[in-house]
């Protein structure tokens, strides 16, 4: 799971660059999948900070009903914050 979270974080940080629209579609799909996986695995511990945070990230980045902010500069802070959450979650995961 750590690799998936690191990939999502990396994709979010790469998304700060000016790239073709196809990349951002891939980004939405990958981030939504990563977020849903965190929500499902964390929900075993009940409703907590990670469930709420990654639930909101999944809603924000979902590709089925996309949220359009119409300006890349509006997405940049969201990409950075989401990427940081993925990194923090990666390094706070306990080994099983």
C-alpha atoms as a PDB file:
ATOM      1  CA  UNK A   1       0.000   0.000   0.000  1.00  0.00           C
ATOM      2  CA  UNK A   2       2.930   2.333   0.655  1.00  0.00           C
ATOM      3  CA  UNK A   3       3.971   2.194  -2.988  1.00  0.00           C
ATOM      4  CA  UNK A   4       0.469   3.163  -4.141  1.00  0.00           C
ATOM      5  CA  UNK A   5       0.401   6.105  -1.725  1.00  0.00           C
ATOM      6  CA  UNK A   6       3.847   7.264  -2.877  1.00  0.00           C
ATOM      7  CA  UNK A   7       2.740   7.012  -6.514  1.00  0.00           C
ATOM      8  CA  UNK A   8      -0.346   9.111  -5.764  1.00  0.00           C
ATOM      9  CA  UNK A   9       1.780  11.724  -3.982  1.00  0.00           C
ATOM     10  CA  UNK A  10       4.245  11.802  -6.874  1.00  0.00           C
ATOM     11  CA  UNK A  11       1.471  12.160  -9.437  1.00  0.00           C
ATOM     12  CA  UNK A  12      -0.019  15.044  -7.458  1.00  0.00           C
ATOM     13  CA  UNK A  13       3.311  16.871  -7.316  1.00  0.00           C
ATOM     14  CA  UNK A  14       3.963  16.247 -11.026  1.00  0.00           C
ATOM     15  CA  UNK A  15       0.471  17.638 -11.640  1.00  0.00           C
ATOM     16  CA  UNK A  16       1.787  21.062 -10.633  1.00  0.00           C
ATOM     17  CA  UNK A  17       3.476  21.227 -14.037  1.00  0.00           C
ATOM     18  CA  UNK A  18       1.682  22.325 -17.183  1.00  0.00           C
ATOM     19  CA  UNK A  19       0.704  18.984 -18.739  1.00  0.00           C
ATOM     20  CA  UNK A  20      -1.895  17.739 -21.258  1.00  0.00           C
ATOM     21  CA  UNK A  21      -5.452  17.147 -20.048  1.00  0.00           C
ATOM     22  CA  UNK A  22      -5.014  13.373 -20.341  1.00  0.00           C
ATOM     23  CA  UNK A  23      -2.530  13.442 -17.478  1.00  0.00           C
ATOM     24  CA  UNK A  24      -5.035  15.106 -15.194  1.00  0.00           C
ATOM     25  CA  UNK A  25      -7.608  12.444 -16.023  1.00  0.00           C
ATOM     26  CA  UNK A  26      -5.064   9.785 -15.049  1.00  0.00           C
ATOM     27  CA  UNK A  27      -4.308  11.802 -11.909  1.00  0.00           C
ATOM     28  CA  UNK A  28      -7.990  11.890 -10.933  1.00  0.00           C
ATOM     29  CA  UNK A  29      -8.339   8.130 -11.394  1.00  0.00           C
ATOM     30  CA  UNK A  30      -5.165   7.248  -9.469  1.00  0.00           C
ATOM     31  CA  UNK A  31      -5.824   9.648  -6.586  1.00  0.00           C
ATOM     32  CA  UNK A  32      -9.422   8.496  -6.247  1.00  0.00           C
ATOM     33  CA  UNK A  33      -8.362   4.833  -6.151  1.00  0.00           C
ATOM     34  CA  UNK A  34      -5.629   5.570  -3.603  1.00  0.00           C
ATOM     35  CA  UNK A  35      -7.996   7.607  -1.448  1.00  0.00           C
ATOM     36  CA  UNK A  36     -10.718   4.964  -1.481  1.00  0.00           C
ATOM     37  CA  UNK A  37      -8.199   2.288  -0.475  1.00  0.00           C
ATOM     38  CA  UNK A  38      -7.092   4.396   2.502  1.00  0.00           C
ATOM     39  CA  UNK A  39     -10.730   5.020   3.492  1.00  0.00           C
ATOM     40  CA  UNK A  40     -11.590   1.313   3.320  1.00  0.00           C
ATOM     41  CA  UNK A  41      -8.530   0.186   5.297  1.00  0.00           C
ATOM     42  CA  UNK A  42      -8.826   2.945   7.899  1.00  0.00           C
ATOM     43  CA  UNK A  43     -12.560   2.487   8.381  1.00  0.00           C
ATOM     44  CA  UNK A  44     -11.730  -0.702  10.330  1.00  0.00           C
ATOM     45  CA  UNK A  45     -10.669   1.663  13.129  1.00  0.00           C
ATOM     46  CA  UNK A  46     -13.931   3.570  12.917  1.00  0.00           C
ATOM     47  CA  UNK A  47     -14.527   7.083  11.687  1.00  0.00           C
ATOM     48  CA  UNK A  48     -11.262   8.943  12.164  1.00  0.00           C
ATOM     49  CA  UNK A  49      -9.191  11.779  10.710  1.00  0.00           C
ATOM     50  CA  UNK A  50      -7.806   9.665   7.842  1.00  0.00           C
ATOM     51  CA  UNK A  51     -11.227   8.392   6.773  1.00  0.00           C
ATOM     52  CA  UNK A  52     -12.630  11.910   6.607  1.00  0.00           C
ATOM     53  CA  UNK A  53      -9.549  13.433   4.950  1.00  0.00           C
ATOM     54  CA  UNK A  54      -9.162  10.808   2.249  1.00  0.00           C
ATOM     55  CA  UNK A  55     -12.931  10.652   1.766  1.00  0.00           C
ATOM     56  CA  UNK A  56     -12.874  14.353   0.924  1.00  0.00           C
ATOM     57  CA  UNK A  57      -9.876  13.867  -1.378  1.00  0.00           C
ATOM     58  CA  UNK A  58     -11.727  11.038  -3.163  1.00  0.00           C
ATOM     59  CA  UNK A  59     -14.767  13.272  -3.667  1.00  0.00           C
ATOM     60  CA  UNK A  60     -12.639  16.192  -4.882  1.00  0.00           C
ATOM     61  CA  UNK A  61     -10.640  14.160  -7.407  1.00  0.00           C
ATOM     62  CA  UNK A  62     -13.299  11.658  -8.506  1.00  0.00           C
ATOM     63  CA  UNK A  63     -13.398  11.241 -12.305  1.00  0.00           C
ATOM     64  CA  UNK A  64     -17.067  10.227 -12.546  1.00  0.00           C
ATOM     65  CA  UNK A  65     -18.571  13.506 -11.350  1.00  0.00           C
ATOM     66  CA  UNK A  66     -15.606  15.856 -11.747  1.00  0.00           C
ATOM     67  CA  UNK A  67     -15.285  19.093  -9.852  1.00  0.00           C
ATOM     68  CA  UNK A  68     -14.030  21.852 -12.126  1.00  0.00           C
ATOM     69  CA  UNK A  69     -12.292  24.824 -10.562  1.00  0.00           C
ATOM     70  CA  UNK A  70     -11.673  26.404 -14.009  1.00  0.00           C
ATOM     71  CA  UNK A  71      -8.184  27.575 -13.099  1.00  0.00           C
ATOM     72  CA  UNK A  72      -4.973  25.645 -12.603  1.00  0.00           C
ATOM     73  CA  UNK A  73      -3.874  28.049  -9.874  1.00  0.00           C
ATOM     74  CA  UNK A  74      -6.908  26.966  -7.822  1.00  0.00           C
ATOM     75  CA  UNK A  75      -5.884  23.306  -8.116  1.00  0.00           C
ATOM     76  CA  UNK A  76      -2.229  23.838  -7.201  1.00  0.00           C
ATOM     77  CA  UNK A  77      -2.725  24.254  -3.424  1.00  0.00           C
ATOM     78  CA  UNK A  78      -5.130  21.295  -3.441  1.00  0.00           C
ATOM     79  CA  UNK A  79      -2.557  19.151  -5.249  1.00  0.00           C
ATOM     80  CA  UNK A  80       0.156  20.138  -2.766  1.00  0.00           C
ATOM     81  CA  UNK A  81      -2.008  19.572   0.313  1.00  0.00           C
ATOM     82  CA  UNK A  82      -3.329  16.246  -1.006  1.00  0.00           C
ATOM     83  CA  UNK A  83       0.178  15.127  -1.940  1.00  0.00           C
ATOM     84  CA  UNK A  84       1.384  15.965   1.558  1.00  0.00           C
ATOM     85  CA  UNK A  85      -1.468  13.961   3.096  1.00  0.00           C
ATOM     86  CA  UNK A  86      -0.488  10.972   0.948  1.00  0.00           C
ATOM     87  CA  UNK A  87       3.146  11.329   2.065  1.00  0.00           C
ATOM     88  CA  UNK A  88       2.209  11.693   5.735  1.00  0.00           C
ATOM     89  CA  UNK A  89      -0.054   8.648   5.548  1.00  0.00           C
ATOM     90  CA  UNK A  90       2.702   6.676   3.811  1.00  0.00           C
ATOM     91  CA  UNK A  91       5.193   7.330   6.591  1.00  0.00           C
ATOM     92  CA  UNK A  92       2.709   6.758   9.420  1.00  0.00           C
ATOM     93  CA  UNK A  93       1.631   3.320   8.177  1.00  0.00           C
ATOM     94  CA  UNK A  94       2.551   0.538  10.547  1.00  0.00           C
ATOM     95  CA  UNK A  95       4.226  -2.611   9.260  1.00  0.00           C
ATOM     96  CA  UNK A  96       2.045  -5.709   9.463  1.00  0.00           C
END
